[in-house]
N, C-alpha and C. Protein backbone atom coordinates (compact mmCIF):
# COMPACT_ATOMS: atom_id res chain seq x y z
N MET A 1 -73.78 5.80 -20.68
CA MET A 1 -72.43 5.97 -19.56
C MET A 1 -73.19 7.57 -19.24
N VAL A 2 -72.97 7.66 -17.88
CA VAL A 2 -72.81 8.82 -17.16
C VAL A 2 -71.61 9.68 -17.45
N SER A 3 -72.00 10.91 -17.72
CA SER A 3 -70.87 11.86 -18.18
C SER A 3 -70.38 11.92 -16.89
N GLN A 4 -68.83 12.36 -16.90
CA GLN A 4 -68.47 12.44 -15.36
C GLN A 4 -67.25 13.74 -15.98
N ASN A 5 -67.18 14.42 -15.10
CA ASN A 5 -65.69 15.58 -14.80
C ASN A 5 -64.78 15.13 -14.20
N ILE A 6 -63.88 15.35 -14.81
CA ILE A 6 -62.20 15.00 -14.10
C ILE A 6 -61.46 15.98 -13.73
N TYR A 7 -61.41 16.24 -12.07
CA TYR A 7 -60.73 17.35 -11.90
C TYR A 7 -59.21 16.85 -11.09
N PHE A 8 -58.44 17.51 -11.61
CA PHE A 8 -56.84 17.08 -11.10
C PHE A 8 -56.88 18.30 -9.85
N THR A 9 -56.60 17.55 -8.25
CA THR A 9 -56.38 18.63 -7.48
C THR A 9 -55.28 19.46 -7.73
N LYS A 10 -54.85 20.60 -6.74
CA LYS A 10 -53.40 21.04 -6.90
C LYS A 10 -52.48 19.71 -6.74
N TYR A 11 -52.78 19.12 -5.78
CA TYR A 11 -51.61 18.08 -5.41
C TYR A 11 -50.72 17.08 -6.69
N SER A 12 -52.12 16.78 -7.45
CA SER A 12 -52.80 15.76 -8.59
C SER A 12 -51.54 16.24 -9.66
N ASN A 13 -51.79 17.88 -9.64
CA ASN A 13 -51.21 18.49 -10.56
C ASN A 13 -49.39 18.61 -10.18
N ASP A 14 -49.49 18.92 -8.74
CA ASP A 14 -47.91 18.98 -8.54
C ASP A 14 -47.29 17.52 -8.78
N LYS A 15 -47.94 16.57 -8.75
CA LYS A 15 -47.48 15.45 -8.61
C LYS A 15 -46.63 14.77 -9.95
N PHE A 16 -47.15 15.20 -11.22
CA PHE A 16 -46.32 15.08 -12.73
C PHE A 16 -44.67 15.60 -12.42
N GLU A 17 -44.69 16.94 -11.72
CA GLU A 17 -43.61 17.55 -11.71
C GLU A 17 -42.41 16.58 -10.66
N ILE A 18 -43.06 16.16 -9.46
CA ILE A 18 -42.27 15.58 -8.58
C ILE A 18 -42.08 14.25 -9.32
N LEU A 19 -42.82 13.46 -9.82
CA LEU A 19 -41.99 12.12 -10.39
C LEU A 19 -41.05 12.43 -11.46
N ASN A 20 -41.42 13.20 -12.17
CA ASN A 20 -40.33 14.03 -13.11
C ASN A 20 -38.83 13.96 -12.47
N LYS A 21 -38.91 14.39 -11.96
CA LYS A 21 -37.72 14.65 -10.83
C LYS A 21 -36.93 13.37 -10.68
N TYR A 22 -37.53 12.23 -10.33
CA TYR A 22 -37.23 10.69 -9.84
C TYR A 22 -37.08 9.98 -11.47
N LYS A 23 -37.19 10.82 -12.46
CA LYS A 23 -37.40 9.84 -13.75
C LYS A 23 -38.42 9.02 -13.96
N VAL A 24 -39.84 9.73 -13.62
CA VAL A 24 -40.93 8.73 -13.81
C VAL A 24 -41.74 9.34 -14.65
N PHE A 25 -41.72 8.99 -15.89
CA PHE A 25 -42.94 10.26 -16.67
C PHE A 25 -44.20 9.75 -17.28
N ILE A 26 -45.47 10.03 -16.29
CA ILE A 26 -46.88 9.86 -16.64
C ILE A 26 -47.29 10.86 -17.31
N THR A 27 -48.25 10.80 -17.89
CA THR A 27 -48.91 12.17 -18.57
C THR A 27 -50.29 11.80 -18.01
N LYS A 28 -51.09 13.32 -18.23
CA LYS A 28 -52.64 13.61 -17.81
C LYS A 28 -53.25 12.11 -18.66
N GLU A 29 -53.16 12.03 -19.95
CA GLU A 29 -53.79 11.17 -20.55
C GLU A 29 -53.63 9.51 -20.23
N GLN A 30 -52.52 9.27 -19.53
CA GLN A 30 -52.38 7.84 -19.11
C GLN A 30 -53.51 7.79 -17.39
N VAL A 31 -53.57 9.12 -16.65
CA VAL A 31 -54.48 9.05 -15.59
C VAL A 31 -55.82 8.96 -15.87
N GLU A 32 -55.98 9.84 -16.73
CA GLU A 32 -57.91 9.40 -17.46
C GLU A 32 -57.72 8.34 -17.85
N GLU A 33 -56.78 7.51 -18.72
CA GLU A 33 -57.50 6.62 -19.23
C GLU A 33 -57.80 5.44 -18.00
N ALA A 34 -56.69 5.44 -17.02
CA ALA A 34 -56.98 4.75 -15.93
C ALA A 34 -58.14 4.75 -15.24
N LEU A 35 -58.92 5.83 -15.33
CA LEU A 35 -60.21 6.21 -14.49
C LEU A 35 -61.01 5.94 -15.52
N ARG A 36 -61.05 5.65 -16.77
CA ARG A 36 -61.95 5.88 -17.79
C ARG A 36 -62.20 4.21 -17.84
N LEU A 37 -61.24 3.40 -18.25
CA LEU A 37 -60.71 1.97 -18.39
C LEU A 37 -60.05 1.26 -17.60
N PRO A 38 -59.88 1.14 -16.24
CA PRO A 38 -59.63 0.36 -15.21
C PRO A 38 -59.70 -0.85 -15.55
N ASP A 39 -58.09 -1.58 -15.05
CA ASP A 39 -58.29 -3.19 -15.27
C ASP A 39 -58.42 -3.82 -13.83
N ALA A 40 -58.26 -3.02 -12.81
CA ALA A 40 -59.24 -3.23 -11.38
C ALA A 40 -59.69 -1.87 -10.68
N ALA A 41 -60.37 -1.69 -10.14
CA ALA A 41 -61.05 -0.58 -9.38
C ALA A 41 -61.54 -1.17 -7.76
N VAL A 42 -61.14 -0.52 -6.95
CA VAL A 42 -61.40 -0.80 -5.61
C VAL A 42 -61.85 0.25 -4.55
N LYS A 43 -63.17 0.17 -4.17
CA LYS A 43 -63.57 1.18 -3.11
C LYS A 43 -63.10 1.17 -1.57
N LYS A 44 -62.10 1.96 -1.39
CA LYS A 44 -61.87 1.84 0.38
C LYS A 44 -62.68 3.00 1.24
N SER A 45 -62.96 2.87 1.70
CA SER A 45 -63.89 4.61 2.44
C SER A 45 -64.32 4.84 1.53
N LYS A 46 -63.84 5.98 1.85
CA LYS A 46 -64.44 7.54 0.27
C LYS A 46 -63.86 7.43 -0.92
N TYR A 47 -62.50 6.79 -0.89
CA TYR A 47 -61.72 6.90 -2.17
C TYR A 47 -61.88 5.43 -2.96
N PHE A 48 -61.95 6.08 -4.53
CA PHE A 48 -61.99 4.94 -5.30
C PHE A 48 -60.09 4.61 -5.82
N TYR A 49 -59.78 3.66 -6.15
CA TYR A 49 -58.63 2.95 -6.49
C TYR A 49 -58.97 2.23 -8.02
N TYR A 50 -58.40 3.00 -9.09
CA TYR A 50 -58.31 2.46 -10.47
C TYR A 50 -56.97 2.26 -10.44
N ARG A 51 -56.64 1.05 -11.08
CA ARG A 51 -55.67 0.50 -11.33
C ARG A 51 -55.39 0.31 -13.07
N ARG A 52 -54.54 0.37 -14.04
CA ARG A 52 -54.41 0.08 -15.19
C ARG A 52 -52.64 0.19 -15.74
N ASP A 53 -52.13 -0.85 -16.42
CA ASP A 53 -50.68 -0.67 -16.75
C ASP A 53 -49.88 -0.25 -16.26
N GLY A 54 -49.87 -0.52 -14.78
CA GLY A 54 -48.85 -0.08 -13.96
C GLY A 54 -48.64 1.21 -13.02
N LEU A 55 -50.30 1.70 -13.17
CA LEU A 55 -50.28 2.83 -12.58
C LEU A 55 -51.99 3.13 -11.73
N THR A 56 -51.79 3.30 -10.50
CA THR A 56 -53.02 3.64 -9.34
C THR A 56 -53.16 4.76 -9.34
N VAL A 57 -54.54 5.17 -9.48
CA VAL A 57 -55.25 6.35 -9.30
C VAL A 57 -56.26 6.47 -8.61
N VAL A 58 -55.70 7.49 -7.29
CA VAL A 58 -56.81 7.61 -6.37
C VAL A 58 -57.77 8.77 -6.26
N VAL A 59 -58.86 8.24 -6.56
CA VAL A 59 -60.13 9.48 -6.57
C VAL A 59 -61.02 9.47 -5.50
N LYS A 60 -61.62 10.66 -5.58
CA LYS A 60 -62.94 11.00 -4.66
C LYS A 60 -64.20 11.45 -5.66
N LYS A 61 -65.21 10.69 -5.32
CA LYS A 61 -66.37 11.20 -6.33
C LYS A 61 -66.98 12.19 -5.70
N GLU A 62 -67.48 13.37 -6.19
CA GLU A 62 -68.07 14.33 -5.39
C GLU A 62 -69.47 14.60 -6.64
N GLY A 63 -70.45 13.76 -6.44
CA GLY A 63 -71.84 14.01 -7.25
C GLY A 63 -70.66 13.39 -8.71
N ARG A 64 -71.01 14.23 -9.89
CA ARG A 64 -70.32 13.69 -10.90
C ARG A 64 -69.35 14.11 -11.57
N THR A 65 -68.32 14.64 -10.39
CA THR A 65 -66.72 14.94 -10.34
C THR A 65 -66.33 14.10 -9.92
N SER A 66 -65.04 13.65 -10.52
CA SER A 66 -64.23 12.45 -10.10
C SER A 66 -62.79 13.46 -9.75
N LYS A 67 -62.55 13.74 -8.73
CA LYS A 67 -61.56 14.31 -7.99
C LYS A 67 -60.22 13.55 -7.68
N ILE A 68 -59.40 13.69 -8.66
CA ILE A 68 -58.06 13.00 -8.76
C ILE A 68 -57.07 13.16 -7.39
N VAL A 69 -57.03 12.60 -6.43
CA VAL A 69 -56.39 12.84 -5.20
C VAL A 69 -54.77 13.15 -5.34
N THR A 70 -54.42 11.61 -5.93
CA THR A 70 -52.95 11.43 -6.69
C THR A 70 -52.87 10.16 -7.18
N PHE A 71 -52.02 9.68 -7.64
CA PHE A 71 -51.80 8.65 -8.74
C PHE A 71 -49.91 8.32 -8.40
N TYR A 72 -50.06 7.26 -8.72
CA TYR A 72 -48.80 6.92 -8.39
C TYR A 72 -48.00 5.34 -9.40
N PRO A 73 -46.90 5.20 -9.91
CA PRO A 73 -46.55 3.89 -10.13
C PRO A 73 -46.40 2.66 -9.65
N THR A 74 -47.14 1.26 -10.16
CA THR A 74 -46.92 0.43 -9.38
C THR A 74 -46.62 -0.84 -10.09
N LYS A 75 -46.08 -2.20 -9.68
CA LYS A 75 -45.91 -3.04 -10.26
C LYS A 75 -46.75 -4.09 -11.07
C-alpha cells in the first residue's frame, strides 16, 4: 500500500468546532478512518468523496497528500 499523508485544511479543522455548536460530534480519527477504510468512494471532477458510517469526507489529492477539504454527516 502506498503511504499517504493526510492534511486537514484550515476550514476542515474549523469544521469540528462548527459542528460541535450544533451538537454534532465527529473526531479526526473518524474522518481519517473514512478516508482509509471507506464503505464507498466516488470521484467527481478533482475531488474524491469517501463515505463511511454516516460520514462523508471530501478530499483533494495532491501527489501523496490527501487534503481534507471538508466533511459532513450523512444519512
